[in-house]
């Protein structure tokens, strides 16, 4: 997955916004599936993993479906907290990107993007706590 759309804009043009939102949707989808997988692996806090998966699902539902592409393959998630770090970082990138886009919006669009950013934040926090013990 390319995160280029998540890190390189301030006030995006419509095509850039569409690409950024598609990248965010894909990130929510991938990390949500990772959180679902670790919910059942017995290697951490199942409740935190479910919270992370639900946050990703809620954030994804606020965004338009990507126009192109297909779901990314879910890589095996090795045991240990370090295996979840890239996914937590991805959600932090998503949060930052959505915060930047929301700052350039107004009205309902801004509120939706801010809620999606909040879901990215809570998903990242929960996922970071899954194998933190």
C-alpha atoms as a PDB file:
ATOM      1  CA  UNK A   1       0.000   0.000   0.000  1.00  0.00           C
ATOM      2  CA  UNK A   2       1.270   3.447  -0.856  1.00  0.00           C
ATOM      3  CA  UNK A   3       1.108   5.968   1.935  1.00  0.00           C
ATOM      4  CA  UNK A   4       2.242   8.797  -0.352  1.00  0.00           C
ATOM      5  CA  UNK A   5      -1.277  10.212  -0.478  1.00  0.00           C
ATOM      6  CA  UNK A   6      -1.345  10.342   3.310  1.00  0.00           C
ATOM      7  CA  UNK A   7       1.696  12.536   3.799  1.00  0.00           C
ATOM      8  CA  UNK A   8       1.971  15.078   0.991  1.00  0.00           C
ATOM      9  CA  UNK A   9      -0.827  17.591   0.917  1.00  0.00           C
ATOM     10  CA  UNK A  10      -2.183  20.588   2.736  1.00  0.00           C
ATOM     11  CA  UNK A  11      -5.193  21.722   0.710  1.00  0.00           C
ATOM     12  CA  UNK A  12      -5.631  18.912  -1.811  1.00  0.00           C
ATOM     13  CA  UNK A  13      -7.197  19.195  -5.225  1.00  0.00           C
ATOM     14  CA  UNK A  14     -10.268  16.967  -5.750  1.00  0.00           C
ATOM     15  CA  UNK A  15      -8.238  14.207  -7.454  1.00  0.00           C
ATOM     16  CA  UNK A  16      -5.641  14.253  -4.666  1.00  0.00           C
ATOM     17  CA  UNK A  17      -8.401  14.193  -2.055  1.00  0.00           C
ATOM     18  CA  UNK A  18      -9.996  11.201  -3.759  1.00  0.00           C
ATOM     19  CA  UNK A  19      -6.651   9.367  -3.784  1.00  0.00           C
ATOM     20  CA  UNK A  20      -5.953  10.277  -0.168  1.00  0.00           C
ATOM     21  CA  UNK A  21      -9.373   9.097   0.990  1.00  0.00           C
ATOM     22  CA  UNK A  22      -8.929   5.854  -0.965  1.00  0.00           C
ATOM     23  CA  UNK A  23      -5.564   5.300   0.758  1.00  0.00           C
ATOM     24  CA  UNK A  24      -7.174   6.015   4.141  1.00  0.00           C
ATOM     25  CA  UNK A  25     -10.024   3.591   3.375  1.00  0.00           C
ATOM     26  CA  UNK A  26      -7.471   0.905   2.423  1.00  0.00           C
ATOM     27  CA  UNK A  27      -5.446   1.553   5.585  1.00  0.00           C
ATOM     28  CA  UNK A  28      -8.534   1.261   7.786  1.00  0.00           C
ATOM     29  CA  UNK A  29      -9.458  -1.966   5.980  1.00  0.00           C
ATOM     30  CA  UNK A  30      -6.022  -3.557   6.306  1.00  0.00           C
ATOM     31  CA  UNK A  31      -5.443  -2.605   9.942  1.00  0.00           C
ATOM     32  CA  UNK A  32      -8.998  -3.629  10.835  1.00  0.00           C
ATOM     33  CA  UNK A  33      -8.346  -7.085   9.411  1.00  0.00           C
ATOM     34  CA  UNK A  34      -5.039  -7.277  11.322  1.00  0.00           C
ATOM     35  CA  UNK A  35      -6.873  -6.361  14.531  1.00  0.00           C
ATOM     36  CA  UNK A  36      -9.508  -9.022  13.812  1.00  0.00           C
ATOM     37  CA  UNK A  37      -6.776 -11.611  13.309  1.00  0.00           C
ATOM     38  CA  UNK A  38      -4.966 -10.803  16.553  1.00  0.00           C
ATOM     39  CA  UNK A  39      -8.245 -10.833  18.459  1.00  0.00           C
ATOM     40  CA  UNK A  40      -8.243 -14.616  18.175  1.00  0.00           C
ATOM     41  CA  UNK A  41      -4.535 -15.457  18.310  1.00  0.00           C
ATOM     42  CA  UNK A  42      -4.362 -15.597  22.113  1.00  0.00           C
ATOM     43  CA  UNK A  43      -1.252 -13.431  22.222  1.00  0.00           C
ATOM     44  CA  UNK A  44      -2.674 -10.281  23.740  1.00  0.00           C
ATOM     45  CA  UNK A  45      -5.642  -8.346  25.008  1.00  0.00           C
ATOM     46  CA  UNK A  46      -8.592  -9.532  22.938  1.00  0.00           C
ATOM     47  CA  UNK A  47     -10.819  -6.650  24.041  1.00  0.00           C
ATOM     48  CA  UNK A  48      -8.295  -4.021  22.884  1.00  0.00           C
ATOM     49  CA  UNK A  49      -7.942  -5.866  19.556  1.00  0.00           C
ATOM     50  CA  UNK A  50     -11.720  -5.805  19.098  1.00  0.00           C
ATOM     51  CA  UNK A  51     -11.827  -2.091  19.958  1.00  0.00           C
ATOM     52  CA  UNK A  52      -9.142  -1.456  17.324  1.00  0.00           C
ATOM     53  CA  UNK A  53     -11.045  -3.475  14.714  1.00  0.00           C
ATOM     54  CA  UNK A  54     -14.293  -1.658  15.495  1.00  0.00           C
ATOM     55  CA  UNK A  55     -12.581   1.756  15.310  1.00  0.00           C
ATOM     56  CA  UNK A  56     -11.165   0.874  11.891  1.00  0.00           C
ATOM     57  CA  UNK A  57     -14.551  -0.305  10.685  1.00  0.00           C
ATOM     58  CA  UNK A  58     -16.253   2.851  11.961  1.00  0.00           C
ATOM     59  CA  UNK A  59     -13.646   5.080  10.325  1.00  0.00           C
ATOM     60  CA  UNK A  60     -13.904   3.210   7.023  1.00  0.00           C
ATOM     61  CA  UNK A  61     -17.693   3.504   7.012  1.00  0.00           C
ATOM     62  CA  UNK A  62     -17.426   7.303   7.111  1.00  0.00           C
ATOM     63  CA  UNK A  63     -15.445   7.388   3.861  1.00  0.00           C
ATOM     64  CA  UNK A  64     -16.464   6.806   0.253  1.00  0.00           C
ATOM     65  CA  UNK A  65     -15.582   3.460  -1.286  1.00  0.00           C
ATOM     66  CA  UNK A  66     -12.402   3.617  -3.360  1.00  0.00           C
ATOM     67  CA  UNK A  67     -13.116   3.775  -7.081  1.00  0.00           C
ATOM     68  CA  UNK A  68     -10.357   1.317  -7.994  1.00  0.00           C
ATOM     69  CA  UNK A  69      -8.346  -1.481  -6.521  1.00  0.00           C
ATOM     70  CA  UNK A  70      -9.045  -4.448  -4.368  1.00  0.00           C
ATOM     71  CA  UNK A  71      -8.326  -5.368  -0.740  1.00  0.00           C
ATOM     72  CA  UNK A  72      -4.699  -5.880   0.136  1.00  0.00           C
ATOM     73  CA  UNK A  73      -3.596  -9.348   1.150  1.00  0.00           C
ATOM     74  CA  UNK A  74      -3.399  -9.752   4.890  1.00  0.00           C
ATOM     75  CA  UNK A  75       0.145 -10.673   5.857  1.00  0.00           C
ATOM     76  CA  UNK A  76       0.645 -13.165   8.687  1.00  0.00           C
ATOM     77  CA  UNK A  77       0.962 -11.308  11.974  1.00  0.00           C
ATOM     78  CA  UNK A  78       3.879 -12.692  13.986  1.00  0.00           C
ATOM     79  CA  UNK A  79       3.691 -12.825  17.772  1.00  0.00           C
ATOM     80  CA  UNK A  80       4.969  -9.954  19.875  1.00  0.00           C
ATOM     81  CA  UNK A  81       4.219  -6.270  20.223  1.00  0.00           C
ATOM     82  CA  UNK A  82       6.762  -5.262  17.559  1.00  0.00           C
ATOM     83  CA  UNK A  83       4.663  -6.935  14.859  1.00  0.00           C
ATOM     84  CA  UNK A  84       1.842  -4.461  15.463  1.00  0.00           C
ATOM     85  CA  UNK A  85       4.008  -1.318  15.443  1.00  0.00           C
ATOM     86  CA  UNK A  86       3.810  -0.738  11.648  1.00  0.00           C
ATOM     87  CA  UNK A  87       0.016  -0.970  11.796  1.00  0.00           C
ATOM     88  CA  UNK A  88      -0.169   1.458  14.714  1.00  0.00           C
ATOM     89  CA  UNK A  89       2.084   3.850  12.776  1.00  0.00           C
ATOM     90  CA  UNK A  90      -0.142   3.522   9.719  1.00  0.00           C
ATOM     91  CA  UNK A  91      -3.175   4.538  11.762  1.00  0.00           C
ATOM     92  CA  UNK A  92      -1.200   7.505  13.148  1.00  0.00           C
ATOM     93  CA  UNK A  93      -0.460   8.555   9.546  1.00  0.00           C
ATOM     94  CA  UNK A  94      -4.141   8.176   8.735  1.00  0.00           C
ATOM     95  CA  UNK A  95      -5.073  10.340  11.714  1.00  0.00           C
ATOM     96  CA  UNK A  96      -2.602  13.068  10.731  1.00  0.00           C
ATOM     97  CA  UNK A  97      -3.725  13.039   7.101  1.00  0.00           C
ATOM     98  CA  UNK A  98      -7.392  13.255   8.042  1.00  0.00           C
ATOM     99  CA  UNK A  99      -6.667  16.071  10.487  1.00  0.00           C
ATOM    100  CA  UNK A 100      -4.893  18.031   7.728  1.00  0.00           C
ATOM    101  CA  UNK A 101      -7.696  17.484   5.224  1.00  0.00           C
ATOM    102  CA  UNK A 102     -10.366  18.331   7.804  1.00  0.00           C
ATOM    103  CA  UNK A 103      -8.635  21.638   8.555  1.00  0.00           C
ATOM    104  CA  UNK A 104      -9.153  22.645   4.898  1.00  0.00           C
ATOM    105  CA  UNK A 105     -12.830  21.637   4.892  1.00  0.00           C
ATOM    106  CA  UNK A 106     -15.910  23.192   6.427  1.00  0.00           C
ATOM    107  CA  UNK A 107     -19.349  22.112   7.581  1.00  0.00           C
ATOM    108  CA  UNK A 108     -20.407  18.484   7.516  1.00  0.00           C
ATOM    109  CA  UNK A 109     -17.366  17.406   5.494  1.00  0.00           C
ATOM    110  CA  UNK A 110     -15.075  18.682   8.215  1.00  0.00           C
ATOM    111  CA  UNK A 111     -17.096  16.977  10.952  1.00  0.00           C
ATOM    112  CA  UNK A 112     -17.003  13.622   9.120  1.00  0.00           C
ATOM    113  CA  UNK A 113     -13.246  13.834   8.565  1.00  0.00           C
ATOM    114  CA  UNK A 114     -12.667  14.786  12.197  1.00  0.00           C
ATOM    115  CA  UNK A 115     -14.734  11.787  13.337  1.00  0.00           C
ATOM    116  CA  UNK A 116     -12.769   9.500  11.016  1.00  0.00           C
ATOM    117  CA  UNK A 117      -9.508  10.924  12.425  1.00  0.00           C
ATOM    118  CA  UNK A 118     -10.810  10.200  15.918  1.00  0.00           C
ATOM    119  CA  UNK A 119     -11.470   6.594  14.936  1.00  0.00           C
ATOM    120  CA  UNK A 120      -7.902   6.339  13.598  1.00  0.00           C
ATOM    121  CA  UNK A 121      -6.578   7.708  16.904  1.00  0.00           C
ATOM    122  CA  UNK A 122      -8.641   5.349  19.064  1.00  0.00           C
ATOM    123  CA  UNK A 123      -7.816   2.401  16.795  1.00  0.00           C
ATOM    124  CA  UNK A 124      -4.099   3.139  17.038  1.00  0.00           C
ATOM    125  CA  UNK A 125      -4.286   3.525  20.819  1.00  0.00           C
ATOM    126  CA  UNK A 126      -6.171   0.257  21.207  1.00  0.00           C
ATOM    127  CA  UNK A 127      -3.930  -1.675  18.806  1.00  0.00           C
ATOM    128  CA  UNK A 128      -0.818  -0.394  20.598  1.00  0.00           C
ATOM    129  CA  UNK A 129      -2.207  -1.799  23.851  1.00  0.00           C
ATOM    130  CA  UNK A 130      -3.041  -5.280  22.468  1.00  0.00           C
ATOM    131  CA  UNK A 131       0.354  -6.839  23.094  1.00  0.00           C
ATOM    132  CA  UNK A 132       1.687  -4.180  25.424  1.00  0.00           C
ATOM    133  CA  UNK A 133       1.674  -6.411  28.502  1.00  0.00           C
END
